[in-house]
Amino acid sequence: MVFQPDRRAGIASSLIILLVILSIQALVLIDIFGQRLGPGQYLTAVLFLLTLPVLALWAYWFYQLCTLSYLLSRDALTIRCGWFERVVPLRLVERCVEGSEVAADAHLHGVSWPGFVRGHMHLRGLGRVRVYSTAPLGQQLIVVCNRAAEGDLADEELDLTVSISPRDQELFLKTLQARRDMGPLHNVEPGLVWRGVAAWPVWRDRLFWTLALSALVLGVALYGLLALRYRALPTRLPLHFGRDQLADRIGLKQELLIVPAIGSLVTLVNGVLAIVVHRHERLAALLLSSGSLGIVALSWVALVGLIY
């Protein structure tokens, strides 16, 4: 049986948060286009780029809110949230405690806005509790599990005690008791199961992300180098040199933007391709990321040679 939380307040709050984020991004973009190319415009553009991860995080949390549900079977309580499922075997459940019965000053570590609470907190007598709720602590239902069973679990699976907020808590408690009275059909193990794209191994490949992020940071820094020198450069300057080291092409200094743009384009295309192919061939993904880093490094050499 699947129990749903009340998402109405969370969705309304999420839309307000989205409006605030988009407003900030719009203001920053207006400021970027209103400035001349230089250090000031570069720093403003970097500020805009820093808002993109915030928007991505909000989108992920909103997806978690929209997909949050509690599946109760004879074997386990399965909490579905975003791209993962947390499995809590009913044989390990000791009791249920209403949130109003615990300390109201418990500090949440995670994300919280009106209508969505996701993270963990420490409660006296209960230890660390994972929270998957759309209601404040006083309206949550804490499913307390036997902590003695946690000894052989991995770190991300240690917290079997969870706090949830099914819309009909009375029906949930009756169903939970009925399932426990019937007994389990299978010996289900506790754990955290990733689904969909979150299960791809690329997200846990540190070498891949070291290469990819290095190419990204160097590419962004290359724009900063050009912005720092741009106003001091002449309007027209040599853009290419022949074998005899003599300039064979003169152009406008605006054309220098092509150099870092090439590195950015290669980094973007190779990054997307690498994430897709990583599931089937890790070496190919690493070669694509290394290629991006190499192209950006060559862009640095080319741009330094043109502006100094």
C-alpha atoms as a PDB file:
ATOM      1  CA  MET A   1       0.000   0.000   0.000  1.00  0.00           C
ATOM      2  CA  VAL A   2       1.363   3.417  -0.973  1.00  0.00           C
ATOM      3  CA  PHE A   3       0.921   6.417   1.336  1.00  0.00           C
ATOM      4  CA  GLN A   4       1.358   9.947   0.023  1.00  0.00           C
ATOM      5  CA  PRO A   5       2.404  13.047   1.994  1.00  0.00           C
ATOM      6  CA  ASP A   6       0.619  16.369   1.687  1.00  0.00           C
ATOM      7  CA  ARG A   7       2.706  18.254  -0.883  1.00  0.00           C
ATOM      8  CA  ARG A   8       0.555  21.362  -1.361  1.00  0.00           C
ATOM      9  CA  ALA A   9       2.497  23.684   0.956  1.00  0.00           C
ATOM     10  CA  GLY A  10       5.838  22.394  -0.368  1.00  0.00           C
ATOM     11  CA  ILE A  11       4.916  22.977  -4.012  1.00  0.00           C
ATOM     12  CA  ALA A  12       3.656  26.496  -3.282  1.00  0.00           C
ATOM     13  CA  SER A  13       6.860  27.338  -1.395  1.00  0.00           C
ATOM     14  CA  SER A  14       8.957  25.821  -4.177  1.00  0.00           C
ATOM     15  CA  LEU A  15       7.404  28.089  -6.773  1.00  0.00           C
ATOM     16  CA  ILE A  16       8.209  31.133  -4.639  1.00  0.00           C
ATOM     17  CA  ILE A  17      11.826  29.951  -4.261  1.00  0.00           C
ATOM     18  CA  LEU A  18      12.031  29.425  -8.043  1.00  0.00           C
ATOM     19  CA  LEU A  19      10.753  32.935  -8.639  1.00  0.00           C
ATOM     20  CA  VAL A  20      13.421  34.362  -6.298  1.00  0.00           C
ATOM     21  CA  ILE A  21      16.237  32.410  -7.982  1.00  0.00           C
ATOM     22  CA  LEU A  22      15.117  33.369 -11.503  1.00  0.00           C
ATOM     23  CA  SER A  23      14.760  37.015 -10.456  1.00  0.00           C
ATOM     24  CA  ILE A  24      18.322  37.049  -9.149  1.00  0.00           C
ATOM     25  CA  GLN A  25      19.581  35.432 -12.342  1.00  0.00           C
ATOM     26  CA  ALA A  26      17.690  37.956 -14.492  1.00  0.00           C
ATOM     27  CA  LEU A  27      19.170  40.889 -12.582  1.00  0.00           C
ATOM     28  CA  VAL A  28      22.674  39.473 -12.886  1.00  0.00           C
ATOM     29  CA  LEU A  29      22.226  38.892 -16.638  1.00  0.00           C
ATOM     30  CA  ILE A  30      20.999  42.450 -17.145  1.00  0.00           C
ATOM     31  CA  ASP A  31      24.057  43.699 -15.285  1.00  0.00           C
ATOM     32  CA  ILE A  32      26.366  41.531 -17.420  1.00  0.00           C
ATOM     33  CA  PHE A  33      25.047  42.899 -20.724  1.00  0.00           C
ATOM     34  CA  GLY A  34      25.162  46.436 -19.378  1.00  0.00           C
ATOM     35  CA  GLN A  35      28.915  46.321 -18.735  1.00  0.00           C
ATOM     36  CA  ARG A  36      31.896  46.568 -21.048  1.00  0.00           C
ATOM     37  CA  LEU A  37      34.143  43.547 -21.401  1.00  0.00           C
ATOM     38  CA  GLY A  38      36.600  43.616 -18.524  1.00  0.00           C
ATOM     39  CA  PRO A  39      37.243  42.348 -14.987  1.00  0.00           C
ATOM     40  CA  GLY A  40      33.921  43.708 -13.691  1.00  0.00           C
ATOM     41  CA  GLN A  41      31.876  41.933 -16.346  1.00  0.00           C
ATOM     42  CA  TYR A  42      33.868  38.749 -15.824  1.00  0.00           C
ATOM     43  CA  LEU A  43      33.229  38.679 -12.068  1.00  0.00           C
ATOM     44  CA  THR A  44      29.535  39.330 -12.646  1.00  0.00           C
ATOM     45  CA  ALA A  45      29.412  36.463 -15.159  1.00  0.00           C
ATOM     46  CA  VAL A  46      31.100  34.163 -12.635  1.00  0.00           C
ATOM     47  CA  LEU A  47      28.443  35.178 -10.099  1.00  0.00           C
ATOM     48  CA  PHE A  48      25.777  34.202 -12.623  1.00  0.00           C
ATOM     49  CA  LEU A  49      27.439  30.824 -13.179  1.00  0.00           C
ATOM     50  CA  LEU A  50      27.426  30.229  -9.423  1.00  0.00           C
ATOM     51  CA  THR A  51      23.646  30.612  -9.391  1.00  0.00           C
ATOM     52  CA  LEU A  52      23.249  27.718 -11.845  1.00  0.00           C
ATOM     53  CA  PRO A  53      24.219  24.994  -9.303  1.00  0.00           C
ATOM     54  CA  VAL A  54      21.737  26.564  -6.879  1.00  0.00           C
ATOM     55  CA  LEU A  55      19.013  26.245  -9.515  1.00  0.00           C
ATOM     56  CA  ALA A  56      20.056  22.643 -10.223  1.00  0.00           C
ATOM     57  CA  LEU A  57      19.940  21.791  -6.495  1.00  0.00           C
ATOM     58  CA  TRP A  58      16.511  23.360  -6.182  1.00  0.00           C
ATOM     59  CA  ALA A  59      15.290  21.330  -9.183  1.00  0.00           C
ATOM     60  CA  TYR A  60      16.600  18.112  -7.605  1.00  0.00           C
ATOM     61  CA  TRP A  61      14.992  18.860  -4.241  1.00  0.00           C
ATOM     62  CA  PHE A  62      11.730  19.757  -5.964  1.00  0.00           C
ATOM     63  CA  TYR A  63      11.873  16.431  -7.787  1.00  0.00           C
ATOM     64  CA  GLN A  64      12.386  14.704  -4.429  1.00  0.00           C
ATOM     65  CA  LEU A  65       9.320  16.489  -3.056  1.00  0.00           C
ATOM     66  CA  CYS A  66       7.172  15.509  -6.041  1.00  0.00           C
ATOM     67  CA  THR A  67       8.198  11.839  -5.872  1.00  0.00           C
ATOM     68  CA  LEU A  68       8.178  11.386  -2.082  1.00  0.00           C
ATOM     69  CA  SER A  69       5.988   8.437  -1.058  1.00  0.00           C
ATOM     70  CA  TYR A  70       5.911   5.605   1.467  1.00  0.00           C
ATOM     71  CA  LEU A  71       5.334   2.051   0.265  1.00  0.00           C
ATOM     72  CA  LEU A  72       4.251  -0.303   3.040  1.00  0.00           C
ATOM     73  CA  SER A  73       4.371  -4.042   2.360  1.00  0.00           C
ATOM     74  CA  ARG A  74       4.556  -7.094   4.604  1.00  0.00           C
ATOM     75  CA  ASP A  75       8.338  -7.057   4.267  1.00  0.00           C
ATOM     76  CA  ALA A  76       9.416  -3.443   4.530  1.00  0.00           C
ATOM     77  CA  LEU A  77       8.698   0.253   4.559  1.00  0.00           C
ATOM     78  CA  THR A  78      10.162   1.643   1.353  1.00  0.00           C
ATOM     79  CA  ILE A  79      10.623   5.413   1.167  1.00  0.00           C
ATOM     80  CA  ARG A  80      10.801   6.657  -2.398  1.00  0.00           C
ATOM     81  CA  CYS A  81      12.411  10.070  -2.771  1.00  0.00           C
ATOM     82  CA  GLY A  82      13.888  11.296  -6.025  1.00  0.00           C
ATOM     83  CA  TRP A  83      16.258   8.788  -7.537  1.00  0.00           C
ATOM     84  CA  PHE A  84      16.647   6.581  -4.485  1.00  0.00           C
ATOM     85  CA  GLU A  85      14.691   4.258  -2.237  1.00  0.00           C
ATOM     86  CA  ARG A  86      15.413   3.654   1.447  1.00  0.00           C
ATOM     87  CA  VAL A  87      14.327   0.193   2.583  1.00  0.00           C
ATOM     88  CA  VAL A  88      13.436  -0.334   6.252  1.00  0.00           C
ATOM     89  CA  PRO A  89      12.532  -3.999   7.022  1.00  0.00           C
ATOM     90  CA  LEU A  90       9.471  -4.271   9.247  1.00  0.00           C
ATOM     91  CA  ARG A  91      11.168  -6.992  11.316  1.00  0.00           C
ATOM     92  CA  LEU A  92      13.513  -4.283  12.638  1.00  0.00           C
ATOM     93  CA  VAL A  93      10.742  -1.810  13.538  1.00  0.00           C
ATOM     94  CA  GLU A  94      10.279  -1.484  17.304  1.00  0.00           C
ATOM     95  CA  ARG A  95       7.641   1.232  17.649  1.00  0.00           C
ATOM     96  CA  CYS A  96       6.333   4.496  16.242  1.00  0.00           C
ATOM     97  CA  VAL A  97       6.648   7.831  18.020  1.00  0.00           C
ATOM     98  CA  GLU A  98       4.774  11.000  17.215  1.00  0.00           C
ATOM     99  CA  GLY A  99       6.965  14.013  16.529  1.00  0.00           C
ATOM    100  CA  SER A 100       5.113  16.011  19.175  1.00  0.00           C
ATOM    101  CA  GLU A 101       6.514  13.673  21.848  1.00  0.00           C
ATOM    102  CA  VAL A 102      10.185  14.438  21.183  1.00  0.00           C
ATOM    103  CA  ALA A 103      12.326  17.508  21.801  1.00  0.00           C
ATOM    104  CA  ALA A 104      11.008  20.367  19.699  1.00  0.00           C
ATOM    105  CA  ASP A 105      14.434  22.037  19.483  1.00  0.00           C
ATOM    106  CA  ALA A 106      16.050  19.244  17.435  1.00  0.00           C
ATOM    107  CA  HIS A 107      18.414  20.683  14.812  1.00  0.00           C
ATOM    108  CA  LEU A 108      17.973  19.457  11.262  1.00  0.00           C
ATOM    109  CA  HIS A 109      21.006  18.845   9.051  1.00  0.00           C
ATOM    110  CA  GLY A 110      19.792  19.052   5.493  1.00  0.00           C
ATOM    111  CA  VAL A 111      17.332  21.056   3.435  1.00  0.00           C
ATOM    112  CA  SER A 112      14.123  22.499   4.753  1.00  0.00           C
ATOM    113  CA  TRP A 113      11.496  24.954   3.570  1.00  0.00           C
ATOM    114  CA  PRO A 114       7.776  25.192   4.385  1.00  0.00           C
ATOM    115  CA  GLY A 115       6.278  21.974   3.089  1.00  0.00           C
ATOM    116  CA  PHE A 116       9.488  19.954   2.648  1.00  0.00           C
ATOM    117  CA  VAL A 117      12.011  18.587   5.146  1.00  0.00           C
ATOM    118  CA  ARG A 118      14.844  16.315   3.993  1.00  0.00           C
ATOM    119  CA  GLY A 119      17.962  15.442   6.011  1.00  0.00           C
ATOM    120  CA  HIS A 120      18.787  14.022   9.428  1.00  0.00           C
ATOM    121  CA  MET A 121      18.584  15.066  13.046  1.00  0.00           C
ATOM    122  CA  HIS A 122      19.676  13.742  16.429  1.00  0.00           C
ATOM    123  CA  LEU A 123      16.916  13.012  18.923  1.00  0.00           C
ATOM    124  CA  ARG A 124      17.459  12.167  22.579  1.00  0.00           C
ATOM    125  CA  GLY A 125      16.972   8.450  23.133  1.00  0.00           C
ATOM    126  CA  LEU A 126      16.542   7.745  19.428  1.00  0.00           C
ATOM    127  CA  GLY A 127      19.915   8.727  17.981  1.00  0.00           C
ATOM    128  CA  ARG A 128      20.210   9.928  14.419  1.00  0.00           C
ATOM    129  CA  VAL A 129      16.954   9.972  12.491  1.00  0.00           C
ATOM    130  CA  ARG A 130      16.567  10.319   8.720  1.00  0.00           C
ATOM    131  CA  VAL A 131      13.806  12.743   7.775  1.00  0.00           C
ATOM    132  CA  TYR A 132      11.628  12.428   4.655  1.00  0.00           C
ATOM    133  CA  SER A 133       8.703  14.694   5.373  1.00  0.00           C
ATOM    134  CA  THR A 134       6.482  17.498   4.156  1.00  0.00           C
ATOM    135  CA  ALA A 135       5.475  18.544   7.682  1.00  0.00           C
ATOM    136  CA  PRO A 136       7.278  20.099  10.682  1.00  0.00           C
ATOM    137  CA  LEU A 137       8.663  17.841  13.412  1.00  0.00           C
ATOM    138  CA  GLY A 138       5.581  18.098  15.608  1.00  0.00           C
ATOM    139  CA  GLN A 139       3.446  16.569  12.832  1.00  0.00           C
ATOM    140  CA  GLN A 140       5.869  13.858  11.775  1.00  0.00           C
ATOM    141  CA  LEU A 141       5.737  10.159  12.568  1.00  0.00           C
ATOM    142  CA  ILE A 142       9.004   8.587  13.698  1.00  0.00           C
ATOM    143  CA  VAL A 143       9.453   4.899  12.868  1.00  0.00           C
ATOM    144  CA  VAL A 144      11.958   3.644  15.445  1.00  0.00           C
ATOM    145  CA  CYS A 145      14.114   0.663  14.509  1.00  0.00           C
ATOM    146  CA  ASN A 146      16.381  -1.695  16.405  1.00  0.00           C
ATOM    147  CA  ARG A 147      19.827  -0.036  16.388  1.00  0.00           C
ATOM    148  CA  ALA A 148      21.530  -3.318  17.287  1.00  0.00           C
ATOM    149  CA  ALA A 149      20.899  -4.424  13.708  1.00  0.00           C
ATOM    150  CA  GLU A 150      22.975  -1.571  12.290  1.00  0.00           C
ATOM    151  CA  GLY A 151      26.389  -3.022  13.048  1.00  0.00           C
ATOM    152  CA  ASP A 152      27.084  -4.574   9.651  1.00  0.00           C
ATOM    153  CA  LEU A 153      25.663  -1.787   7.495  1.00  0.00           C
ATOM    154  CA  ALA A 154      27.481   0.761   5.404  1.00  0.00           C
ATOM    155  CA  ASP A 155      27.563   4.401   6.503  1.00  0.00           C
ATOM    156  CA  GLU A 156      24.765   5.567   4.219  1.00  0.00           C
ATOM    157  CA  GLU A 157      22.553   2.731   5.490  1.00  0.00           C
ATOM    158  CA  LEU A 158      23.201   3.114   9.229  1.00  0.00           C
ATOM    159  CA  ASP A 159      20.174   5.205  10.060  1.00  0.00           C
ATOM    160  CA  LEU A 160      17.242   2.819  10.035  1.00  0.00           C
ATOM    161  CA  THR A 161      15.067   5.070  12.185  1.00  0.00           C
ATOM    162  CA  VAL A 162      13.155   7.412   9.881  1.00  0.00           C
ATOM    163  CA  SER A 163      10.734  10.289  10.288  1.00  0.00           C
ATOM    164  CA  ILE A 164       7.907  10.544   7.759  1.00  0.00           C
ATOM    165  CA  SER A 165       4.620  12.368   7.261  1.00  0.00           C
ATOM    166  CA  PRO A 166       1.932  10.247   5.587  1.00  0.00           C
ATOM    167  CA  ARG A 167      -1.225  12.256   5.004  1.00  0.00           C
ATOM    168  CA  ASP A 168      -3.356   9.734   6.919  1.00  0.00           C
ATOM    169  CA  GLN A 169      -1.168   8.775   9.892  1.00  0.00           C
ATOM    170  CA  GLU A 170      -3.917   6.773  11.605  1.00  0.00           C
ATOM    171  CA  LEU A 171      -4.413   4.553   8.565  1.00  0.00           C
ATOM    172  CA  PHE A 172      -0.649   4.210   8.194  1.00  0.00           C
ATOM    173  CA  LEU A 173      -0.276   3.008  11.811  1.00  0.00           C
ATOM    174  CA  LYS A 174      -3.126   0.514  11.443  1.00  0.00           C
ATOM    175  CA  THR A 175      -1.693  -0.817   8.192  1.00  0.00           C
ATOM    176  CA  LEU A 176       1.796  -1.040   9.686  1.00  0.00           C
ATOM    177  CA  GLN A 177       0.523  -3.042  12.652  1.00  0.00           C
ATOM    178  CA  ALA A 178      -1.467  -5.335  10.366  1.00  0.00           C
ATOM    179  CA  ARG A 179       1.564  -5.979   8.153  1.00  0.00           C
ATOM    180  CA  ARG A 180       3.722  -6.747  11.188  1.00  0.00           C
ATOM    181  CA  ASP A 181       1.101  -9.114  12.605  1.00  0.00           C
ATOM    182  CA  MET A 182       0.981 -11.044   9.318  1.00  0.00           C
ATOM    183  CA  GLY A 183       4.755 -11.414   9.274  1.00  0.00           C
ATOM    184  CA  PRO A 184       7.192 -10.967   6.387  1.00  0.00           C
ATOM    185  CA  LEU A 185       7.114 -12.984   3.202  1.00  0.00           C
ATOM    186  CA  HIS A 186      10.799 -12.454   2.421  1.00  0.00           C
ATOM    187  CA  ASN A 187      13.935 -11.678   4.410  1.00  0.00           C
ATOM    188  CA  VAL A 188      14.510  -8.139   3.139  1.00  0.00           C
ATOM    189  CA  GLU A 189      17.776  -6.413   4.015  1.00  0.00           C
ATOM    190  CA  PRO A 190      17.926  -2.711   4.900  1.00  0.00           C
ATOM    191  CA  GLY A 191      19.669  -0.463   2.440  1.00  0.00           C
ATOM    192  CA  LEU A 192      19.720   2.511   0.125  1.00  0.00           C
ATOM    193  CA  VAL A 193      18.926   1.704  -3.508  1.00  0.00           C
ATOM    194  CA  TRP A 194      19.660   4.202  -6.285  1.00  0.00           C
ATOM    195  CA  ARG A 195      17.424   4.265  -9.343  1.00  0.00           C
ATOM    196  CA  GLY A 196      17.596   5.757 -12.842  1.00  0.00           C
ATOM    197  CA  VAL A 197      20.489   8.030 -13.770  1.00  0.00           C
ATOM    198  CA  ALA A 198      21.579   8.219 -10.118  1.00  0.00           C
ATOM    199  CA  ALA A 199      22.619   4.571 -10.342  1.00  0.00           C
ATOM    200  CA  TRP A 200      25.171   5.327 -13.064  1.00  0.00           C
ATOM    201  CA  PRO A 201      28.727   4.715 -11.768  1.00  0.00           C
ATOM    202  CA  VAL A 202      29.977   7.983 -13.262  1.00  0.00           C
ATOM    203  CA  TRP A 203      28.744   9.980 -10.246  1.00  0.00           C
ATOM    204  CA  ARG A 204      31.147   8.084  -7.974  1.00  0.00           C
ATOM    205  CA  ASP A 205      34.188   8.196 -10.275  1.00  0.00           C
ATOM    206  CA  ARG A 206      36.559  10.684  -8.584  1.00  0.00           C
ATOM    207  CA  LEU A 207      39.184  10.598 -11.347  1.00  0.00           C
ATOM    208  CA  PHE A 208      36.602  11.442 -13.993  1.00  0.00           C
ATOM    209  CA  TRP A 209      35.267  14.419 -12.053  1.00  0.00           C
ATOM    210  CA  THR A 210      38.759  15.631 -11.199  1.00  0.00           C
ATOM    211  CA  LEU A 211      39.560  15.824 -14.907  1.00  0.00           C
ATOM    212  CA  ALA A 212      36.184  17.300 -15.863  1.00  0.00           C
ATOM    213  CA  LEU A 213      36.165  19.957 -13.146  1.00  0.00           C
ATOM    214  CA  SER A 214      39.802  20.859 -13.846  1.00  0.00           C
ATOM    215  CA  ALA A 215      38.920  21.543 -17.488  1.00  0.00           C
ATOM    216  CA  LEU A 216      35.897  23.588 -16.401  1.00  0.00           C
ATOM    217  CA  VAL A 217      37.812  25.712 -13.878  1.00  0.00           C
ATOM    218  CA  LEU A 218      40.688  26.347 -16.271  1.00  0.00           C
ATOM    219  CA  GLY A 219      38.222  27.307 -19.005  1.00  0.00           C
ATOM    220  CA  VAL A 220      36.458  29.828 -16.774  1.00  0.00           C
ATOM    221  CA  ALA A 221      39.822  31.216 -15.617  1.00  0.00           C
ATOM    222  CA  LEU A 222      40.830  31.684 -19.265  1.00  0.00           C
ATOM    223  CA  TYR A 223      37.974  34.134 -19.726  1.00  0.00           C
ATOM    224  CA  GLY A 224      39.267  35.949 -16.653  1.00  0.00           C
ATOM    225  CA  LEU A 225      42.728  36.273 -18.178  1.00  0.00           C
ATOM    226  CA  LEU A 226      41.268  37.797 -21.343  1.00  0.00           C
ATOM    227  CA  ALA A 227      39.015  40.147 -19.342  1.00  0.00           C
ATOM    228  CA  LEU A 228      41.994  41.342 -17.303  1.00  0.00           C
ATOM    229  CA  ARG A 229      44.013  42.255 -20.394  1.00  0.00           C
ATOM    230  CA  TYR A 230      41.218  43.221 -22.776  1.00  0.00           C
ATOM    231  CA  ARG A 231      41.072  47.002 -22.260  1.00  0.00           C
ATOM    232  CA  ALA A 232      44.847  47.346 -22.567  1.00  0.00           C
ATOM    233  CA  LEU A 233      44.904  45.602 -25.955  1.00  0.00           C
ATOM    234  CA  PRO A 234      44.862  47.567 -29.241  1.00  0.00           C
ATOM    235  CA  THR A 235      41.677  47.521 -31.306  1.00  0.00           C
ATOM    236  CA  ARG A 236      43.393  45.464 -34.021  1.00  0.00           C
ATOM    237  CA  LEU A 237      46.154  42.978 -33.347  1.00  0.00           C
ATOM    238  CA  PRO A 238      47.847  39.906 -34.905  1.00  0.00           C
ATOM    239  CA  LEU A 239      45.697  36.774 -34.560  1.00  0.00           C
ATOM    240  CA  HIS A 240      47.842  34.254 -36.421  1.00  0.00           C
ATOM    241  CA  PHE A 241      51.519  33.804 -37.212  1.00  0.00           C
ATOM    242  CA  GLY A 242      53.088  31.924 -40.084  1.00  0.00           C
ATOM    243  CA  ARG A 243      56.055  29.590 -40.049  1.00  0.00           C
ATOM    244  CA  ASP A 244      58.405  32.539 -40.312  1.00  0.00           C
ATOM    245  CA  GLN A 245      56.898  33.916 -37.059  1.00  0.00           C
ATOM    246  CA  LEU A 246      55.444  36.871 -38.948  1.00  0.00           C
ATOM    247  CA  ALA A 247      51.788  37.854 -38.528  1.00  0.00           C
ATOM    248  CA  ASP A 248      49.721  36.693 -41.493  1.00  0.00           C
ATOM    249  CA  ARG A 249      46.326  37.662 -40.089  1.00  0.00           C
ATOM    250  CA  ILE A 250      45.217  40.862 -38.366  1.00  0.00           C
ATOM    251  CA  GLY A 251      41.816  41.098 -36.718  1.00  0.00           C
ATOM    252  CA  LEU A 252      39.709  42.835 -34.109  1.00  0.00           C
ATOM    253  CA  LYS A 253      40.443  42.086 -30.489  1.00  0.00           C
ATOM    254  CA  GLN A 254      36.849  40.865 -30.037  1.00  0.00           C
ATOM    255  CA  GLU A 255      37.850  37.816 -32.057  1.00  0.00           C
ATOM    256  CA  LEU A 256      40.059  36.695 -29.170  1.00  0.00           C
ATOM    257  CA  LEU A 257      36.878  35.443 -27.482  1.00  0.00           C
ATOM    258  CA  ILE A 258      36.901  32.579 -29.976  1.00  0.00           C
ATOM    259  CA  VAL A 259      39.887  31.004 -28.196  1.00  0.00           C
ATOM    260  CA  PRO A 260      38.257  30.396 -24.779  1.00  0.00           C
ATOM    261  CA  ALA A 261      34.911  29.722 -26.506  1.00  0.00           C
ATOM    262  CA  ILE A 262      36.451  26.750 -28.339  1.00  0.00           C
ATOM    263  CA  GLY A 263      37.679  25.327 -25.044  1.00  0.00           C
ATOM    264  CA  SER A 264      34.239  25.802 -23.453  1.00  0.00           C
ATOM    265  CA  LEU A 265      32.466  24.133 -26.363  1.00  0.00           C
ATOM    266  CA  VAL A 266      34.810  21.139 -26.320  1.00  0.00           C
ATOM    267  CA  THR A 267      34.455  20.817 -22.537  1.00  0.00           C
ATOM    268  CA  LEU A 268      30.656  20.890 -22.772  1.00  0.00           C
ATOM    269  CA  VAL A 269      30.329  18.418 -25.651  1.00  0.00           C
ATOM    270  CA  ASN A 270      32.964  16.013 -24.314  1.00  0.00           C
ATOM    271  CA  GLY A 271      31.467  16.224 -20.828  1.00  0.00           C
ATOM    272  CA  VAL A 272      27.996  15.212 -21.980  1.00  0.00           C
ATOM    273  CA  LEU A 273      29.372  12.415 -24.168  1.00  0.00           C
ATOM    274  CA  ALA A 274      31.629  11.170 -21.363  1.00  0.00           C
ATOM    275  CA  ILE A 275      28.763  10.937 -18.877  1.00  0.00           C
ATOM    276  CA  VAL A 276      26.693   8.953 -21.383  1.00  0.00           C
ATOM    277  CA  VAL A 277      29.435   6.500 -22.437  1.00  0.00           C
ATOM    278  CA  HIS A 278      30.862   6.029 -18.920  1.00  0.00           C
ATOM    279  CA  ARG A 279      28.297   3.317 -18.159  1.00  0.00           C
ATOM    280  CA  HIS A 280      29.666   1.158 -20.969  1.00  0.00           C
ATOM    281  CA  GLU A 281      33.313   2.216 -21.262  1.00  0.00           C
ATOM    282  CA  ARG A 282      35.023   4.085 -18.442  1.00  0.00           C
ATOM    283  CA  LEU A 283      38.302   4.425 -20.354  1.00  0.00           C
ATOM    284  CA  ALA A 284      36.562   6.225 -23.217  1.00  0.00           C
ATOM    285  CA  ALA A 285      34.960   8.633 -20.758  1.00  0.00           C
ATOM    286  CA  LEU A 286      38.323   9.347 -19.136  1.00  0.00           C
ATOM    287  CA  LEU A 287      39.886   9.959 -22.550  1.00  0.00           C
ATOM    288  CA  LEU A 288      37.139  12.435 -23.419  1.00  0.00           C
ATOM    289  CA  SER A 289      37.671  14.302 -20.135  1.00  0.00           C
ATOM    290  CA  SER A 290      41.437  14.261 -20.635  1.00  0.00           C
ATOM    291  CA  GLY A 291      40.923  15.578 -24.163  1.00  0.00           C
ATOM    292  CA  SER A 292      38.889  18.484 -22.819  1.00  0.00           C
ATOM    293  CA  LEU A 293      41.622  19.318 -20.333  1.00  0.00           C
ATOM    294  CA  GLY A 294      44.228  19.158 -23.096  1.00  0.00           C
ATOM    295  CA  ILE A 295      42.251  21.468 -25.406  1.00  0.00           C
ATOM    296  CA  VAL A 296      41.786  24.005 -22.619  1.00  0.00           C
ATOM    297  CA  ALA A 297      45.509  23.863 -21.829  1.00  0.00           C
ATOM    298  CA  LEU A 298      46.314  24.520 -25.505  1.00  0.00           C
ATOM    299  CA  SER A 299      43.842  27.405 -25.454  1.00  0.00           C
ATOM    300  CA  TRP A 300      45.781  28.901 -22.568  1.00  0.00           C
ATOM    301  CA  VAL A 301      49.025  28.658 -24.538  1.00  0.00           C
ATOM    302  CA  ALA A 302      47.401  30.197 -27.632  1.00  0.00           C
ATOM    303  CA  LEU A 303      45.750  33.083 -25.789  1.00  0.00           C
ATOM    304  CA  VAL A 304      48.821  33.944 -23.725  1.00  0.00           C
ATOM    305  CA  GLY A 305      50.840  34.060 -26.930  1.00  0.00           C
ATOM    306  CA  LEU A 306      48.355  36.470 -28.533  1.00  0.00           C
ATOM    307  CA  ILE A 307      47.838  38.951 -25.696  1.00  0.00           C
ATOM    308  CA  TYR A 308      51.363  39.152 -24.222  1.00  0.00           C
END
